[in-house]
Amino acid sequence: MRTVSVALLLAVLLPAAASARSAPADVAYCQRLVAVYDRYIGRNEFSSNREFGRGSLDGDVASAQCRQGNPAGIPVLERVLRNNRFSLPPRG
């Protein structure tokens, strides 16, 4: 029981610690990626064509990570955007 509690605590604290150490430039780039993803691909009420469910699960998870300030979703969002023939926003 104690190991389960420790594992749950780590699962909650590690993403927060990782995002706290993230470079501001990475977080800003992640936000630019998520803006394109959410507008054109993701599951968002502001989607340009109002079709919900077009985004993939991994893209939606990466989008949520970026919205929370965790740039771990950058590689996934870059891949999803490239695969859908979108130009990536400038990194810097």
C-alpha atoms as a PDB file:
ATOM      1  CA  MET A   1       0.000   0.000   0.000  1.00  0.00           C
ATOM      2  CA  ARG A   2       2.845   2.371   0.830  1.00  0.00           C
ATOM      3  CA  THR A   3       4.510   1.869  -2.571  1.00  0.00           C
ATOM      4  CA  VAL A   4       1.244   2.654  -4.333  1.00  0.00           C
ATOM      5  CA  SER A   5       0.940   5.889  -2.357  1.00  0.00           C
ATOM      6  CA  VAL A   6       4.520   6.851  -3.184  1.00  0.00           C
ATOM      7  CA  ALA A   7       3.987   6.032  -6.854  1.00  0.00           C
ATOM      8  CA  LEU A   8       0.842   8.171  -6.979  1.00  0.00           C
ATOM      9  CA  LEU A   9       2.606  11.031  -5.247  1.00  0.00           C
ATOM     10  CA  LEU A  10       5.475  10.862  -7.750  1.00  0.00           C
ATOM     11  CA  ALA A  11       3.048  10.730 -10.669  1.00  0.00           C
ATOM     12  CA  VAL A  12       1.504  13.982  -9.462  1.00  0.00           C
ATOM     13  CA  LEU A  13       4.690  15.808  -8.479  1.00  0.00           C
ATOM     14  CA  LEU A  14       7.038  14.903 -11.341  1.00  0.00           C
ATOM     15  CA  PRO A  15       5.131  16.690 -14.127  1.00  0.00           C
ATOM     16  CA  ALA A  16       4.866  19.799 -11.959  1.00  0.00           C
ATOM     17  CA  ALA A  17       8.588  19.708 -11.204  1.00  0.00           C
ATOM     18  CA  ALA A  18       9.441  19.212 -14.870  1.00  0.00           C
ATOM     19  CA  SER A  19       7.306  22.150 -15.955  1.00  0.00           C
ATOM     20  CA  ALA A  20       8.838  24.344 -13.250  1.00  0.00           C
ATOM     21  CA  ARG A  21      12.294  23.779 -14.790  1.00  0.00           C
ATOM     22  CA  SER A  22      11.126  24.341 -18.347  1.00  0.00           C
ATOM     23  CA  ALA A  23      12.702  27.142 -20.288  1.00  0.00           C
ATOM     24  CA  PRO A  24      10.309  30.025 -20.938  1.00  0.00           C
ATOM     25  CA  ALA A  25      11.147  29.837 -24.663  1.00  0.00           C
ATOM     26  CA  ASP A  26      10.049  26.181 -24.760  1.00  0.00           C
ATOM     27  CA  VAL A  27       6.794  26.969 -22.993  1.00  0.00           C
ATOM     28  CA  ALA A  28       6.102  29.860 -25.375  1.00  0.00           C
ATOM     29  CA  TYR A  29       6.839  27.662 -28.419  1.00  0.00           C
ATOM     30  CA  CYS A  30       4.601  24.958 -27.009  1.00  0.00           C
ATOM     31  CA  GLN A  31       1.801  27.514 -26.645  1.00  0.00           C
ATOM     32  CA  ARG A  32       2.211  28.550 -30.295  1.00  0.00           C
ATOM     33  CA  LEU A  33       2.043  24.903 -31.388  1.00  0.00           C
ATOM     34  CA  VAL A  34      -1.070  24.257 -29.329  1.00  0.00           C
ATOM     35  CA  ALA A  35      -2.755  27.341 -30.774  1.00  0.00           C
ATOM     36  CA  VAL A  36      -2.393  25.920 -34.291  1.00  0.00           C
ATOM     37  CA  TYR A  37      -3.313  22.391 -33.198  1.00  0.00           C
ATOM     38  CA  ASP A  38      -6.415  23.459 -31.271  1.00  0.00           C
ATOM     39  CA  ARG A  39      -7.653  25.761 -33.995  1.00  0.00           C
ATOM     40  CA  TYR A  40      -7.303  23.432 -36.960  1.00  0.00           C
ATOM     41  CA  ILE A  41      -6.981  19.844 -35.728  1.00  0.00           C
ATOM     42  CA  GLY A  42      -7.777  19.320 -32.076  1.00  0.00           C
ATOM     43  CA  ARG A  43     -10.912  18.830 -30.081  1.00  0.00           C
ATOM     44  CA  ASN A  44     -11.767  22.417 -29.418  1.00  0.00           C
ATOM     45  CA  GLU A  45     -15.010  24.353 -29.656  1.00  0.00           C
ATOM     46  CA  PHE A  46     -13.095  27.044 -31.545  1.00  0.00           C
ATOM     47  CA  SER A  47     -12.070  24.652 -34.303  1.00  0.00           C
ATOM     48  CA  SER A  48     -12.409  26.337 -37.671  1.00  0.00           C
ATOM     49  CA  ASN A  49     -14.784  23.689 -39.023  1.00  0.00           C
ATOM     50  CA  ARG A  50     -16.503  22.657 -35.776  1.00  0.00           C
ATOM     51  CA  GLU A  51     -15.763  18.980 -36.351  1.00  0.00           C
ATOM     52  CA  PHE A  52     -14.992  17.512 -32.966  1.00  0.00           C
ATOM     53  CA  GLY A  53     -12.894  14.401 -32.627  1.00  0.00           C
ATOM     54  CA  ARG A  54     -10.525  15.008 -35.541  1.00  0.00           C
ATOM     55  CA  GLY A  55      -7.513  15.185 -33.263  1.00  0.00           C
ATOM     56  CA  SER A  56      -5.642  12.104 -32.143  1.00  0.00           C
ATOM     57  CA  LEU A  57      -5.451  11.071 -28.519  1.00  0.00           C
ATOM     58  CA  ASP A  58      -1.692  11.669 -28.367  1.00  0.00           C
ATOM     59  CA  GLY A  59      -2.177  15.104 -29.963  1.00  0.00           C
ATOM     60  CA  ASP A  60      -4.888  15.985 -27.473  1.00  0.00           C
ATOM     61  CA  VAL A  61      -2.703  14.875 -24.556  1.00  0.00           C
ATOM     62  CA  ALA A  62       0.245  16.885 -25.880  1.00  0.00           C
ATOM     63  CA  SER A  63      -2.044  19.888 -26.324  1.00  0.00           C
ATOM     64  CA  ALA A  64      -3.228  19.581 -22.724  1.00  0.00           C
ATOM     65  CA  GLN A  65       0.378  19.343 -21.509  1.00  0.00           C
ATOM     66  CA  CYS A  66       1.290  22.545 -23.330  1.00  0.00           C
ATOM     67  CA  ARG A  67      -1.743  24.373 -21.980  1.00  0.00           C
ATOM     68  CA  GLN A  68      -0.526  23.466 -18.489  1.00  0.00           C
ATOM     69  CA  GLY A  69       2.948  24.881 -19.203  1.00  0.00           C
ATOM     70  CA  ASN A  70       4.626  21.503 -19.735  1.00  0.00           C
ATOM     71  CA  PRO A  71       6.615  21.490 -22.999  1.00  0.00           C
ATOM     72  CA  ALA A  72       6.805  17.681 -23.047  1.00  0.00           C
ATOM     73  CA  GLY A  73       4.147  17.749 -25.759  1.00  0.00           C
ATOM     74  CA  ILE A  74       6.323  19.637 -28.258  1.00  0.00           C
ATOM     75  CA  PRO A  75       7.589  16.602 -30.243  1.00  0.00           C
ATOM     76  CA  VAL A  76       4.102  15.129 -30.563  1.00  0.00           C
ATOM     77  CA  LEU A  77       2.522  18.399 -31.659  1.00  0.00           C
ATOM     78  CA  GLU A  78       5.312  19.021 -34.163  1.00  0.00           C
ATOM     79  CA  ARG A  79       4.782  15.548 -35.652  1.00  0.00           C
ATOM     80  CA  VAL A  80       0.995  15.887 -35.796  1.00  0.00           C
ATOM     81  CA  LEU A  81       1.184  19.323 -37.413  1.00  0.00           C
ATOM     82  CA  ARG A  82       3.780  18.217 -39.972  1.00  0.00           C
ATOM     83  CA  ASN A  83       1.768  15.094 -40.811  1.00  0.00           C
ATOM     84  CA  ASN A  84      -1.240  17.326 -41.484  1.00  0.00           C
ATOM     85  CA  ARG A  85       0.873  19.598 -43.730  1.00  0.00           C
ATOM     86  CA  PHE A  86       0.977  22.585 -41.408  1.00  0.00           C
ATOM     87  CA  SER A  87       4.027  24.823 -41.180  1.00  0.00           C
ATOM     88  CA  LEU A  88       5.472  24.978 -37.700  1.00  0.00           C
ATOM     89  CA  PRO A  89       5.587  28.385 -35.986  1.00  0.00           C
ATOM     90  CA  PRO A  90       9.018  29.897 -35.381  1.00  0.00           C
ATOM     91  CA  ARG A  91      10.788  28.369 -32.398  1.00  0.00           C
ATOM     92  CA  GLY A  92      12.567  31.423 -31.095  1.00  0.00           C
END
